[in-house]
Amino acid sequence: TLQKVADNNVKALNHITSDRSISDTSPIRIEITRTQKELTLYMMELYKRSLTESQSIMIPGIIKGAKYLERMGTLTDHLEVLAVERLEKECYFTPDAMNEVESLSLSLQGLYEETSRHLSKDVPCDLPLATESWIHFDELLTKANNDHIKRLEKDQCSIEASLVYLEILSTLERIKYYLFQIKKLACYEFQGSSSPLEIL
């Protein structure tokens, strides 16, 4: 399901940086709902048994993970809405703005891949959890915001385009936040151990 959310993120971001027609992303909603039902059934089965200490940690983690996935799906849908809005309002994005969105998209794909590896237990979770790839995404986001302000000061973009662009950046930041929470769950709660309150 995480991979399908990632694929839909990529599609939505591709629509933002092109003038192609928008495809329907509703299948991701169906996939998330199916996953949530499967997780609920699994947890109901677990509750019928005597839980070990690690299982009693895992269950709340699974519930949180399902919520995070749902929120990421909602944010992906929102990216598609923004892509439609950009086309309908004829919001012009400068080549630099387009490049920034594309760079953030590529960086986010890498974060999805890293999180997926942790979920499949192929990669041990070493501290700090915020590896260079996560820091790089934050740096790209900060640069995109700063460069956007410079473009505004030079009257290189309209107010409407600016509002859409800033909403795209904000949405990507929130997706990254929930993705990082899933990575933390993969490294701790999904393994049956409590996570520290503050992890960098």
Protein backbone atom coordinates (compact mmCIF):
# COMPACT_ATOMS: atom_id res chain seq x y z
CA THR A 1 0.00 0.00 0.00
CA LEU A 2 2.85 2.38 0.83
CA GLN A 3 4.29 1.79 -2.65
CA LYS A 4 0.92 2.56 -4.24
CA VAL A 5 0.69 5.79 -2.24
CA ALA A 6 4.21 6.63 -3.47
CA ASP A 7 3.24 5.89 -7.09
CA ASN A 8 0.19 8.15 -6.79
CA ASN A 9 2.35 10.92 -5.30
CA VAL A 10 4.64 10.69 -8.33
CA LYS A 11 1.66 10.81 -10.72
CA ALA A 12 0.20 13.84 -8.96
CA LEU A 13 3.53 15.68 -9.03
CA ASN A 14 3.98 14.81 -12.71
CA HIS A 15 0.58 16.36 -13.40
CA ILE A 16 1.64 19.50 -11.57
CA THR A 17 4.76 19.89 -13.71
CA SER A 18 3.02 19.16 -17.02
CA ASP A 19 -0.11 20.15 -18.90
CA ARG A 20 -1.41 16.59 -19.26
CA SER A 21 -4.95 15.67 -18.30
CA ILE A 22 -5.48 14.46 -14.76
CA SER A 23 -6.08 10.77 -14.17
CA ASP A 24 -8.26 9.37 -11.40
CA THR A 25 -6.36 8.50 -8.22
CA SER A 26 -9.38 6.97 -6.46
CA PRO A 27 -7.87 3.43 -6.57
CA ILE A 28 -5.48 4.50 -3.79
CA ARG A 29 -8.50 5.14 -1.56
CA ILE A 30 -9.72 1.60 -2.25
CA GLU A 31 -6.26 0.18 -1.50
CA ILE A 32 -5.96 2.09 1.78
CA THR A 33 -9.45 1.01 2.87
CA ARG A 34 -8.61 -2.63 2.04
CA THR A 35 -5.38 -2.43 4.02
CA GLN A 36 -7.15 -0.88 7.00
CA LYS A 37 -9.74 -3.70 6.99
CA GLU A 38 -6.99 -6.34 6.86
CA LEU A 39 -5.15 -4.67 9.74
CA THR A 40 -8.36 -4.47 11.78
CA LEU A 41 -9.04 -8.19 11.28
CA TYR A 42 -5.44 -9.00 12.19
CA MET A 43 -5.66 -6.95 15.38
CA MET A 44 -8.99 -8.54 16.31
CA GLU A 45 -7.33 -11.94 16.03
CA LEU A 46 -4.44 -10.79 18.20
CA TYR A 47 -6.81 -9.43 20.87
CA LYS A 48 -8.38 -12.90 21.22
CA ARG A 49 -5.06 -14.24 22.46
CA SER A 50 -2.90 -13.46 25.43
CA LEU A 51 -0.59 -10.75 24.20
CA THR A 52 3.12 -10.70 24.80
CA GLU A 53 4.70 -7.41 25.81
CA SER A 54 6.00 -6.84 22.28
CA GLN A 55 2.57 -7.56 20.75
CA SER A 56 0.95 -5.07 23.10
CA ILE A 57 3.39 -2.47 21.71
CA MET A 58 2.86 -3.53 18.09
CA ILE A 59 -0.93 -3.14 18.06
CA PRO A 60 -1.03 0.62 18.80
CA GLY A 61 1.79 0.99 16.26
CA ILE A 62 -0.27 -0.76 13.60
CA ILE A 63 -3.24 1.52 14.35
CA LYS A 64 -1.01 4.59 14.05
CA GLY A 65 0.51 3.28 10.82
CA ALA A 66 -2.94 2.83 9.25
CA LYS A 67 -3.87 6.40 10.23
CA TYR A 68 -0.64 7.78 8.77
CA LEU A 69 -1.27 5.92 5.50
CA GLU A 70 -4.79 7.31 5.33
CA ARG A 71 -3.52 10.86 5.87
CA MET A 72 -0.88 10.41 3.18
CA GLY A 73 -3.59 9.20 0.79
CA THR A 74 -5.65 12.30 1.55
CA LEU A 75 -2.63 14.53 0.91
CA THR A 76 -1.96 12.72 -2.38
CA ASP A 77 -5.54 13.45 -3.43
CA HIS A 78 -4.94 17.07 -2.48
CA LEU A 79 -1.90 17.22 -4.79
CA GLU A 80 -4.16 16.12 -7.65
CA VAL A 81 -6.64 18.87 -6.75
CA LEU A 82 -3.79 21.38 -6.84
CA ALA A 83 -2.68 20.06 -10.24
CA VAL A 84 -6.20 20.61 -11.60
CA GLU A 85 -6.36 24.05 -9.99
CA ARG A 86 -3.05 25.06 -11.58
CA LEU A 87 -4.35 24.13 -15.03
CA GLU A 88 -7.84 25.61 -14.60
CA LYS A 89 -6.54 28.92 -13.25
CA GLU A 90 -3.70 28.92 -15.80
CA CYS A 91 -1.14 29.45 -13.04
CA TYR A 92 2.24 29.91 -14.66
CA PHE A 93 5.16 28.28 -12.83
CA THR A 94 8.62 29.48 -13.80
CA PRO A 95 11.11 26.85 -15.04
CA ASP A 96 12.91 27.21 -11.68
CA ALA A 97 9.69 26.46 -9.77
CA MET A 98 9.05 23.41 -11.98
CA ASN A 99 12.58 22.17 -11.35
CA GLU A 100 12.10 22.60 -7.60
CA VAL A 101 8.91 20.50 -7.63
CA GLU A 102 10.65 17.83 -9.73
CA SER A 103 13.65 17.76 -7.35
CA LEU A 104 11.33 17.40 -4.35
CA SER A 105 9.44 14.64 -6.15
CA LEU A 106 12.64 12.68 -6.80
CA SER A 107 13.79 13.20 -3.21
CA LEU A 108 10.42 12.05 -1.86
CA GLN A 109 10.58 8.91 -4.01
CA GLY A 110 13.90 8.10 -2.34
CA LEU A 111 12.32 8.52 1.10
CA TYR A 112 9.51 6.15 0.14
CA GLU A 113 12.06 3.58 -1.03
CA GLU A 114 14.07 3.91 2.18
CA THR A 115 10.97 3.51 4.34
CA SER A 116 9.83 0.49 2.29
CA ARG A 117 13.19 -1.20 2.89
CA HIS A 118 12.77 -0.71 6.64
CA LEU A 119 9.24 -2.12 6.49
CA SER A 120 10.51 -5.22 4.71
CA LYS A 121 13.21 -5.57 7.41
CA ASP A 122 15.98 -5.62 4.81
CA VAL A 123 17.72 -2.68 6.47
CA PRO A 124 18.59 -2.29 10.14
CA CYS A 125 17.42 0.91 11.81
CA ASP A 126 20.45 2.84 12.95
CA LEU A 127 20.30 6.19 14.70
CA PRO A 128 19.87 8.89 13.68
CA LEU A 129 16.73 7.92 11.76
CA ALA A 130 16.85 11.20 9.84
CA THR A 131 19.57 10.12 7.42
CA GLU A 132 21.12 12.36 4.77
CA SER A 133 18.24 11.71 2.40
CA TRP A 134 15.71 13.15 4.89
CA ILE A 135 17.94 16.13 5.61
CA HIS A 136 18.39 16.66 1.86
CA PHE A 137 14.60 16.80 1.37
CA ASP A 138 14.32 19.46 4.10
CA GLU A 139 17.12 21.46 2.46
CA LEU A 140 15.37 21.29 -0.93
CA LEU A 141 12.12 22.42 0.68
CA THR A 142 13.79 25.35 2.45
CA LYS A 143 15.54 26.39 -0.77
CA ALA A 144 12.27 26.16 -2.74
CA ASN A 145 10.51 28.41 -0.21
CA ASN A 146 13.37 30.93 -0.17
CA ASP A 147 13.70 31.00 -3.96
CA HIS A 148 9.94 31.47 -4.27
CA ILE A 149 10.11 34.58 -2.06
CA LYS A 150 12.85 35.97 -4.32
CA ARG A 151 10.69 35.35 -7.40
CA LEU A 152 7.77 37.11 -5.72
CA GLU A 153 9.96 40.11 -4.92
CA LYS A 154 10.96 40.28 -8.61
CA ASP A 155 7.30 40.00 -9.76
CA GLN A 156 8.06 36.76 -11.59
CA CYS A 157 4.87 35.02 -10.45
CA SER A 158 1.25 35.92 -9.82
CA ILE A 159 -0.43 35.80 -6.42
CA GLU A 160 -2.69 32.93 -7.57
CA ALA A 161 0.26 30.87 -8.82
CA SER A 162 2.10 31.68 -5.60
CA LEU A 163 -0.74 30.37 -3.45
CA VAL A 164 -0.92 27.11 -5.41
CA TYR A 165 2.86 26.67 -5.33
CA LEU A 166 3.12 27.27 -1.58
CA GLU A 167 0.27 24.81 -0.97
CA ILE A 168 2.15 22.20 -2.99
CA LEU A 169 5.26 22.72 -0.85
CA SER A 170 3.22 22.54 2.35
CA THR A 171 1.52 19.32 1.21
CA LEU A 172 4.87 17.70 0.36
CA GLU A 173 6.19 18.66 3.78
CA ARG A 174 3.21 16.98 5.48
CA ILE A 175 3.59 13.83 3.36
CA LYS A 176 7.23 13.66 4.38
CA TYR A 177 6.23 14.06 8.05
CA TYR A 178 3.83 11.09 7.97
CA LEU A 179 6.31 9.03 5.97
CA PHE A 180 8.94 9.64 8.65
CA GLN A 181 6.44 8.58 11.33
CA ILE A 182 5.95 5.29 9.44
CA LYS A 183 9.71 4.82 9.30
CA LYS A 184 9.86 5.29 13.09
CA LEU A 185 7.09 2.72 13.54
CA ALA A 186 8.97 0.27 11.30
CA CYS A 187 12.07 0.65 13.45
CA TYR A 188 10.36 0.45 16.84
CA GLU A 189 6.68 -0.37 17.39
CA PHE A 190 6.44 -2.81 14.46
CA GLN A 191 9.42 -4.62 16.02
CA GLY A 192 7.68 -4.73 19.40
CA SER A 193 9.81 -2.11 21.14
CA SER A 194 8.83 1.33 22.40
CA SER A 195 10.28 4.27 20.53
CA PRO A 196 12.05 7.11 22.33
CA LEU A 197 9.95 10.26 22.63
CA GLU A 198 12.37 12.36 20.60
CA ILE A 199 14.15 10.82 17.64
CA LEU A 200 16.20 12.68 15.08
